[in-house]
Amino acid sequence: MSVYKIKQDLRKNSSKEKAKILQRFFKTAPGEYGYGDIFIGVCVPHIRKIAKKYRQVDLSSAAKLLASGIHEERLLALVILVLKFEEAGAPGRKKIYELYLKNTEYINNWDLVDLTAPNIVGKFLANTDKKILYSLARSNSLWERRISIIATLNFIRNNSFTDTLKITRLLLSDKEDLIHKACGWMLREVGKRNKALVVDFLSRHCKNMPRVMLRYAIERFPERERARYLFK
């Protein structure tokens, strides 16, 4: 199956009006985090449908699609990789994981990270050494840092919280709002399962953590409890 045919199939569902909306939503203006990204206006449900159709493409074709300058083509490649990862045995999963980490320069917006990092990086590392996540957390790349924390959502879903809390500590002084939100979101997910751990984390760090991170972390706390943290 040619990459050209896949791209043509994707474009059948494109919309100029939707593309304009997505360009604004994903902050593609000069100075914004998505500067230079190009959208053709394809919705995620259509992308998922096309990914299922082409889930059997080989990894080299998926890699070519991932290297595209078109946002939806990169997202399609990543959704295909997630589907292939789910169906693969251990050797296949390793190849997909390695391909993913070799191409993080193309996984360069929050939706691309959030839809895939837990399902590829998180799942692959679930029962093995997680040292790579700490390297990613120290990366100069905003998106690699986001991968490092969002990948831990898979661990959280399996009631393993240690790496989420450790990586959040590493990212407390990060300058990027998208990292603050990601860490706060992961803390909130931990809190759904073990509130005591999050309360302990906040008792140590709430005065030093970015306000956005704090607000996300305590979003599901009772109103009085939220107020106590916010006005400390």
C-alpha atoms as a PDB file:
ATOM      1  CA  MET A   1       0.000   0.000   0.000  1.00  0.00           C
ATOM      2  CA  SER A   2       1.536   3.330  -1.082  1.00  0.00           C
ATOM      3  CA  VAL A   3       1.844   6.281   1.271  1.00  0.00           C
ATOM      4  CA  TYR A   4       0.492   8.447  -1.548  1.00  0.00           C
ATOM      5  CA  LYS A   5      -2.786   6.478  -1.606  1.00  0.00           C
ATOM      6  CA  ILE A   6      -3.152   6.809   2.162  1.00  0.00           C
ATOM      7  CA  LYS A   7      -2.638  10.564   1.950  1.00  0.00           C
ATOM      8  CA  GLN A   8      -5.207  10.818  -0.845  1.00  0.00           C
ATOM      9  CA  ASP A   9      -7.718   8.883   1.235  1.00  0.00           C
ATOM     10  CA  LEU A  10      -7.142  11.248   4.134  1.00  0.00           C
ATOM     11  CA  ARG A  11      -7.709  14.306   1.961  1.00  0.00           C
ATOM     12  CA  LYS A  12     -11.151  13.074   0.930  1.00  0.00           C
ATOM     13  CA  ASN A  13     -12.256  14.033   4.446  1.00  0.00           C
ATOM     14  CA  SER A  14     -10.502  17.412   4.600  1.00  0.00           C
ATOM     15  CA  SER A  15     -12.159  20.796   5.072  1.00  0.00           C
ATOM     16  CA  LYS A  16     -10.660  24.250   4.519  1.00  0.00           C
ATOM     17  CA  GLU A  17     -12.983  25.744   7.132  1.00  0.00           C
ATOM     18  CA  LYS A  18     -12.023  23.102   9.698  1.00  0.00           C
ATOM     19  CA  ALA A  19      -8.331  23.604   8.843  1.00  0.00           C
ATOM     20  CA  LYS A  20      -8.582  27.297   9.736  1.00  0.00           C
ATOM     21  CA  ILE A  21     -10.156  26.442  13.088  1.00  0.00           C
ATOM     22  CA  LEU A  22      -7.465  23.848  13.848  1.00  0.00           C
ATOM     23  CA  GLN A  23      -4.660  26.239  12.871  1.00  0.00           C
ATOM     24  CA  ARG A  24      -5.894  28.623  15.581  1.00  0.00           C
ATOM     25  CA  PHE A  25      -6.710  25.944  18.157  1.00  0.00           C
ATOM     26  CA  PHE A  26      -3.268  24.337  17.949  1.00  0.00           C
ATOM     27  CA  LYS A  27      -1.433  27.679  18.162  1.00  0.00           C
ATOM     28  CA  THR A  28       0.371  27.786  14.832  1.00  0.00           C
ATOM     29  CA  ALA A  29       0.995  31.560  14.700  1.00  0.00           C
ATOM     30  CA  PRO A  30       4.567  32.952  14.989  1.00  0.00           C
ATOM     31  CA  GLY A  31       5.865  32.615  18.545  1.00  0.00           C
ATOM     32  CA  GLU A  32       3.292  29.976  19.521  1.00  0.00           C
ATOM     33  CA  TYR A  33       4.110  26.360  20.367  1.00  0.00           C
ATOM     34  CA  GLY A  34       2.698  24.956  17.104  1.00  0.00           C
ATOM     35  CA  TYR A  35       4.260  27.549  14.827  1.00  0.00           C
ATOM     36  CA  GLY A  36       4.671  26.326  11.273  1.00  0.00           C
ATOM     37  CA  ASP A  37       2.366  23.319  11.571  1.00  0.00           C
ATOM     38  CA  ILE A  38      -0.032  22.807   8.658  1.00  0.00           C
ATOM     39  CA  PHE A  39      -3.568  21.432   8.927  1.00  0.00           C
ATOM     40  CA  ILE A  40      -5.873  20.209   6.172  1.00  0.00           C
ATOM     41  CA  GLY A  41      -8.967  19.972   8.365  1.00  0.00           C
ATOM     42  CA  VAL A  42      -9.637  16.287   9.099  1.00  0.00           C
ATOM     43  CA  CYS A  43     -11.436  15.353  12.334  1.00  0.00           C
ATOM     44  CA  VAL A  44     -10.045  12.694  14.687  1.00  0.00           C
ATOM     45  CA  PRO A  45     -12.944  10.214  14.120  1.00  0.00           C
ATOM     46  CA  HIS A  46     -12.162  10.206  10.389  1.00  0.00           C
ATOM     47  CA  ILE A  47      -8.465   9.737  11.131  1.00  0.00           C
ATOM     48  CA  ARG A  48      -9.218   6.762  13.382  1.00  0.00           C
ATOM     49  CA  LYS A  49     -11.412   5.204  10.693  1.00  0.00           C
ATOM     50  CA  ILE A  50      -8.687   5.565   8.052  1.00  0.00           C
ATOM     51  CA  ALA A  51      -6.071   4.222  10.484  1.00  0.00           C
ATOM     52  CA  LYS A  52      -8.100   1.032  10.942  1.00  0.00           C
ATOM     53  CA  LYS A  53      -8.280   0.644   7.179  1.00  0.00           C
ATOM     54  CA  TYR A  54      -4.502   0.915   6.790  1.00  0.00           C
ATOM     55  CA  ARG A  55      -3.359  -0.663  10.033  1.00  0.00           C
ATOM     56  CA  GLN A  56      -1.473  -3.399   8.128  1.00  0.00           C
ATOM     57  CA  VAL A  57       0.972  -1.020   6.395  1.00  0.00           C
ATOM     58  CA  ASP A  58       4.623  -1.731   7.122  1.00  0.00           C
ATOM     59  CA  LEU A  59       6.626   0.337   9.586  1.00  0.00           C
ATOM     60  CA  SER A  60       8.692   2.041   6.892  1.00  0.00           C
ATOM     61  CA  SER A  61       5.491   3.411   5.317  1.00  0.00           C
ATOM     62  CA  ALA A  62       4.228   4.541   8.719  1.00  0.00           C
ATOM     63  CA  ALA A  63       7.570   6.291   9.300  1.00  0.00           C
ATOM     64  CA  LYS A  64       7.296   8.122   5.975  1.00  0.00           C
ATOM     65  CA  LEU A  65       3.796   9.276   6.890  1.00  0.00           C
ATOM     66  CA  LEU A  66       5.019  10.384  10.323  1.00  0.00           C
ATOM     67  CA  ALA A  67       7.676  12.588   8.707  1.00  0.00           C
ATOM     68  CA  SER A  68       5.011  14.627   6.929  1.00  0.00           C
ATOM     69  CA  GLY A  69       4.627  18.367   7.318  1.00  0.00           C
ATOM     70  CA  ILE A  70       0.851  17.884   7.560  1.00  0.00           C
ATOM     71  CA  HIS A  71      -0.432  17.525  11.114  1.00  0.00           C
ATOM     72  CA  GLU A  72      -3.227  15.078  10.313  1.00  0.00           C
ATOM     73  CA  GLU A  73      -0.849  12.837   8.369  1.00  0.00           C
ATOM     74  CA  ARG A  74       1.445  12.623  11.386  1.00  0.00           C
ATOM     75  CA  LEU A  75      -1.518  11.901  13.636  1.00  0.00           C
ATOM     76  CA  LEU A  76      -2.725   9.194  11.251  1.00  0.00           C
ATOM     77  CA  ALA A  77       0.729   7.583  11.304  1.00  0.00           C
ATOM     78  CA  LEU A  78       0.748   7.606  15.088  1.00  0.00           C
ATOM     79  CA  VAL A  79      -2.741   6.120  15.398  1.00  0.00           C
ATOM     80  CA  ILE A  80      -1.675   3.383  12.970  1.00  0.00           C
ATOM     81  CA  LEU A  81       1.368   2.710  15.183  1.00  0.00           C
ATOM     82  CA  VAL A  82      -0.869   2.433  18.257  1.00  0.00           C
ATOM     83  CA  LEU A  83      -3.091  -0.086  16.471  1.00  0.00           C
ATOM     84  CA  LYS A  84      -0.091  -2.072  15.267  1.00  0.00           C
ATOM     85  CA  PHE A  85       1.409  -2.008  18.774  1.00  0.00           C
ATOM     86  CA  GLU A  86      -1.789  -3.484  20.228  1.00  0.00           C
ATOM     87  CA  GLU A  87      -1.653  -6.391  17.786  1.00  0.00           C
ATOM     88  CA  ALA A  88       2.109  -7.018  17.862  1.00  0.00           C
ATOM     89  CA  GLY A  89       4.102  -9.521  19.847  1.00  0.00           C
ATOM     90  CA  ALA A  90       7.116  -8.519  21.934  1.00  0.00           C
ATOM     91  CA  PRO A  91       9.576  -8.097  19.012  1.00  0.00           C
ATOM     92  CA  GLY A  92       7.078  -6.017  17.028  1.00  0.00           C
ATOM     93  CA  ARG A  93       6.283  -3.827  20.008  1.00  0.00           C
ATOM     94  CA  LYS A  94       9.967  -3.147  20.536  1.00  0.00           C
ATOM     95  CA  LYS A  95      10.367  -2.014  16.919  1.00  0.00           C
ATOM     96  CA  ILE A  96       7.361   0.325  17.183  1.00  0.00           C
ATOM     97  CA  TYR A  97       8.591   1.756  20.482  1.00  0.00           C
ATOM     98  CA  GLU A  98      12.050   2.376  19.015  1.00  0.00           C
ATOM     99  CA  LEU A  99      10.559   3.961  15.885  1.00  0.00           C
ATOM    100  CA  TYR A 100       8.467   6.249  18.083  1.00  0.00           C
ATOM    101  CA  LEU A 101      11.415   7.484  20.141  1.00  0.00           C
ATOM    102  CA  LYS A 102      13.598   7.972  17.057  1.00  0.00           C
ATOM    103  CA  ASN A 103      10.963  10.270  15.572  1.00  0.00           C
ATOM    104  CA  THR A 104       9.960  12.519  18.455  1.00  0.00           C
ATOM    105  CA  GLU A 105      10.782  15.570  16.331  1.00  0.00           C
ATOM    106  CA  TYR A 106       7.573  14.800  14.426  1.00  0.00           C
ATOM    107  CA  ILE A 107       5.493  14.148  17.570  1.00  0.00           C
ATOM    108  CA  ASN A 108       5.334  17.862  18.086  1.00  0.00           C
ATOM    109  CA  ASN A 109       1.979  18.896  19.441  1.00  0.00           C
ATOM    110  CA  TRP A 110       0.026  17.970  22.538  1.00  0.00           C
ATOM    111  CA  ASP A 111      -2.624  15.890  20.756  1.00  0.00           C
ATOM    112  CA  LEU A 112       0.044  13.799  19.035  1.00  0.00           C
ATOM    113  CA  VAL A 113       1.674  13.104  22.392  1.00  0.00           C
ATOM    114  CA  ASP A 114      -1.462  12.576  24.436  1.00  0.00           C
ATOM    115  CA  LEU A 115      -3.126  10.100  22.083  1.00  0.00           C
ATOM    116  CA  THR A 116      -0.042   7.914  21.764  1.00  0.00           C
ATOM    117  CA  ALA A 117       2.564   8.190  24.534  1.00  0.00           C
ATOM    118  CA  PRO A 118       0.621   6.125  27.110  1.00  0.00           C
ATOM    119  CA  ASN A 119      -0.302   3.504  24.524  1.00  0.00           C
ATOM    120  CA  ILE A 120       3.167   2.994  23.072  1.00  0.00           C
ATOM    121  CA  VAL A 121       5.854   4.304  25.435  1.00  0.00           C
ATOM    122  CA  GLY A 122       3.881   3.690  28.631  1.00  0.00           C
ATOM    123  CA  LYS A 123       2.778   0.198  27.680  1.00  0.00           C
ATOM    124  CA  PHE A 124       6.218  -0.825  26.447  1.00  0.00           C
ATOM    125  CA  LEU A 125       7.918   0.353  29.638  1.00  0.00           C
ATOM    126  CA  ALA A 126       5.264  -0.996  32.008  1.00  0.00           C
ATOM    127  CA  ASN A 127       7.323  -3.962  33.166  1.00  0.00           C
ATOM    128  CA  THR A 128      10.846  -2.822  32.416  1.00  0.00           C
ATOM    129  CA  ASP A 129      13.397  -0.122  33.238  1.00  0.00           C
ATOM    130  CA  LYS A 130      11.925   3.366  32.936  1.00  0.00           C
ATOM    131  CA  LYS A 131      15.203   5.291  32.872  1.00  0.00           C
ATOM    132  CA  ILE A 132      14.422   6.684  29.424  1.00  0.00           C
ATOM    133  CA  LEU A 133      11.482   8.659  30.845  1.00  0.00           C
ATOM    134  CA  TYR A 134      13.817  10.550  33.168  1.00  0.00           C
ATOM    135  CA  SER A 135      16.111  11.366  30.248  1.00  0.00           C
ATOM    136  CA  LEU A 136      13.123  12.651  28.285  1.00  0.00           C
ATOM    137  CA  ALA A 137      12.026  14.717  31.284  1.00  0.00           C
ATOM    138  CA  ARG A 138      15.395  16.523  31.129  1.00  0.00           C
ATOM    139  CA  SER A 139      15.225  17.073  27.367  1.00  0.00           C
ATOM    140  CA  ASN A 140      15.361  20.518  25.773  1.00  0.00           C
ATOM    141  CA  SER A 141      12.334  19.473  23.722  1.00  0.00           C
ATOM    142  CA  LEU A 142       8.973  20.494  25.139  1.00  0.00           C
ATOM    143  CA  TRP A 143       7.365  17.507  23.440  1.00  0.00           C
ATOM    144  CA  GLU A 144       9.842  14.956  24.783  1.00  0.00           C
ATOM    145  CA  ARG A 145       9.239  16.326  28.261  1.00  0.00           C
ATOM    146  CA  ARG A 146       5.499  16.007  27.724  1.00  0.00           C
ATOM    147  CA  ILE A 147       5.970  12.424  26.494  1.00  0.00           C
ATOM    148  CA  SER A 148       7.857  11.632  29.697  1.00  0.00           C
ATOM    149  CA  ILE A 149       4.967  12.569  31.979  1.00  0.00           C
ATOM    150  CA  ILE A 150       2.015  11.592  29.764  1.00  0.00           C
ATOM    151  CA  ALA A 151       3.478   8.117  29.185  1.00  0.00           C
ATOM    152  CA  THR A 152       2.986   7.475  32.907  1.00  0.00           C
ATOM    153  CA  LEU A 153      -0.799   7.560  32.424  1.00  0.00           C
ATOM    154  CA  ASN A 154      -0.490   3.885  31.513  1.00  0.00           C
ATOM    155  CA  PHE A 155       1.184   3.201  34.858  1.00  0.00           C
ATOM    156  CA  ILE A 156      -1.492   5.169  36.699  1.00  0.00           C
ATOM    157  CA  ARG A 157      -4.214   3.097  35.047  1.00  0.00           C
ATOM    158  CA  ASN A 158      -2.486   0.064  36.548  1.00  0.00           C
ATOM    159  CA  ASN A 159      -2.233   1.670  40.013  1.00  0.00           C
ATOM    160  CA  SER A 160       1.483   2.387  39.803  1.00  0.00           C
ATOM    161  CA  PHE A 161       2.188   5.986  40.804  1.00  0.00           C
ATOM    162  CA  THR A 162       5.854   6.297  41.744  1.00  0.00           C
ATOM    163  CA  ASP A 163       7.191   7.387  38.358  1.00  0.00           C
ATOM    164  CA  THR A 164       4.434   9.950  37.858  1.00  0.00           C
ATOM    165  CA  LEU A 165       5.303  11.636  41.144  1.00  0.00           C
ATOM    166  CA  LYS A 166       9.070  11.489  40.539  1.00  0.00           C
ATOM    167  CA  ILE A 167       8.824  12.930  37.035  1.00  0.00           C
ATOM    168  CA  THR A 168       6.437  15.638  38.196  1.00  0.00           C
ATOM    169  CA  ARG A 169       9.027  16.659  40.785  1.00  0.00           C
ATOM    170  CA  LEU A 170      11.609  16.936  38.008  1.00  0.00           C
ATOM    171  CA  LEU A 171       9.262  19.175  36.025  1.00  0.00           C
ATOM    172  CA  LEU A 172       8.129  21.489  38.832  1.00  0.00           C
ATOM    173  CA  SER A 173      10.361  24.302  37.596  1.00  0.00           C
ATOM    174  CA  ASP A 174       9.580  23.804  33.902  1.00  0.00           C
ATOM    175  CA  LYS A 175       8.804  27.062  32.091  1.00  0.00           C
ATOM    176  CA  GLU A 176       6.165  25.693  29.707  1.00  0.00           C
ATOM    177  CA  ASP A 177       2.446  25.925  30.408  1.00  0.00           C
ATOM    178  CA  LEU A 178       1.821  22.698  28.483  1.00  0.00           C
ATOM    179  CA  ILE A 179       4.076  20.855  30.931  1.00  0.00           C
ATOM    180  CA  HIS A 180       2.328  22.425  33.923  1.00  0.00           C
ATOM    181  CA  LYS A 181      -1.027  21.247  32.579  1.00  0.00           C
ATOM    182  CA  ALA A 182       0.279  17.760  31.792  1.00  0.00           C
ATOM    183  CA  CYS A 183       1.736  17.273  35.266  1.00  0.00           C
ATOM    184  CA  GLY A 184      -1.392  18.614  36.931  1.00  0.00           C
ATOM    185  CA  TRP A 185      -3.528  16.297  34.836  1.00  0.00           C
ATOM    186  CA  MET A 186      -1.422  13.272  35.838  1.00  0.00           C
ATOM    187  CA  LEU A 187      -1.601  14.264  39.511  1.00  0.00           C
ATOM    188  CA  ARG A 188      -5.384  14.493  39.180  1.00  0.00           C
ATOM    189  CA  GLU A 189      -5.438  10.986  37.671  1.00  0.00           C
ATOM    190  CA  VAL A 190      -3.348   9.668  40.564  1.00  0.00           C
ATOM    191  CA  GLY A 191      -5.727  11.394  42.985  1.00  0.00           C
ATOM    192  CA  LYS A 192      -8.722   9.552  41.535  1.00  0.00           C
ATOM    193  CA  ARG A 193      -7.104   6.320  42.679  1.00  0.00           C
ATOM    194  CA  ASN A 194      -5.030   7.350  45.684  1.00  0.00           C
ATOM    195  CA  LYS A 195      -5.876  10.795  46.982  1.00  0.00           C
ATOM    196  CA  ALA A 196      -3.599  10.438  50.005  1.00  0.00           C
ATOM    197  CA  LEU A 197      -0.523  10.262  47.770  1.00  0.00           C
ATOM    198  CA  VAL A 198      -1.471  13.480  46.000  1.00  0.00           C
ATOM    199  CA  VAL A 199      -2.266  15.240  49.272  1.00  0.00           C
ATOM    200  CA  ASP A 200       1.174  14.259  50.553  1.00  0.00           C
ATOM    201  CA  PHE A 201       2.796  15.481  47.315  1.00  0.00           C
ATOM    202  CA  LEU A 202       0.964  18.802  47.551  1.00  0.00           C
ATOM    203  CA  SER A 203       1.922  19.250  51.192  1.00  0.00           C
ATOM    204  CA  ARG A 204       5.551  19.195  50.075  1.00  0.00           C
ATOM    205  CA  HIS A 205       5.350  21.097  46.807  1.00  0.00           C
ATOM    206  CA  CYS A 206       2.158  23.149  46.422  1.00  0.00           C
ATOM    207  CA  LYS A 207       3.862  26.433  47.367  1.00  0.00           C
ATOM    208  CA  ASN A 208       6.511  25.954  44.683  1.00  0.00           C
ATOM    209  CA  MET A 209       4.477  24.455  41.870  1.00  0.00           C
ATOM    210  CA  PRO A 210       3.027  26.516  38.998  1.00  0.00           C
ATOM    211  CA  ARG A 211      -0.555  27.632  39.654  1.00  0.00           C
ATOM    212  CA  VAL A 212      -1.871  25.919  36.540  1.00  0.00           C
ATOM    213  CA  MET A 213      -0.364  22.624  37.668  1.00  0.00           C
ATOM    214  CA  LEU A 214      -1.906  23.043  41.113  1.00  0.00           C
ATOM    215  CA  ARG A 215      -5.331  23.937  39.713  1.00  0.00           C
ATOM    216  CA  TYR A 216      -5.356  20.876  37.469  1.00  0.00           C
ATOM    217  CA  ALA A 217      -4.196  18.615  40.317  1.00  0.00           C
ATOM    218  CA  ILE A 218      -6.945  19.688  42.744  1.00  0.00           C
ATOM    219  CA  GLU A 219      -9.744  20.057  40.207  1.00  0.00           C
ATOM    220  CA  ARG A 220     -11.756  17.186  41.708  1.00  0.00           C
ATOM    221  CA  PHE A 221     -11.157  18.125  45.337  1.00  0.00           C
ATOM    222  CA  PRO A 222     -14.105  19.526  47.341  1.00  0.00           C
ATOM    223  CA  GLU A 223     -14.450  23.302  46.996  1.00  0.00           C
ATOM    224  CA  ARG A 224     -13.250  24.121  50.514  1.00  0.00           C
ATOM    225  CA  GLU A 225     -10.211  21.900  50.089  1.00  0.00           C
ATOM    226  CA  ARG A 226      -9.363  23.522  46.756  1.00  0.00           C
ATOM    227  CA  ALA A 227      -9.613  26.961  48.339  1.00  0.00           C
ATOM    228  CA  ARG A 228      -7.244  25.957  51.119  1.00  0.00           C
ATOM    229  CA  TYR A 229      -4.533  25.073  48.600  1.00  0.00           C
ATOM    230  CA  LEU A 230      -5.132  28.030  46.338  1.00  0.00           C
ATOM    231  CA  PHE A 231      -4.919  30.610  49.105  1.00  0.00           C
ATOM    232  CA  LYS A 232      -1.988  29.185  51.030  1.00  0.00           C
END
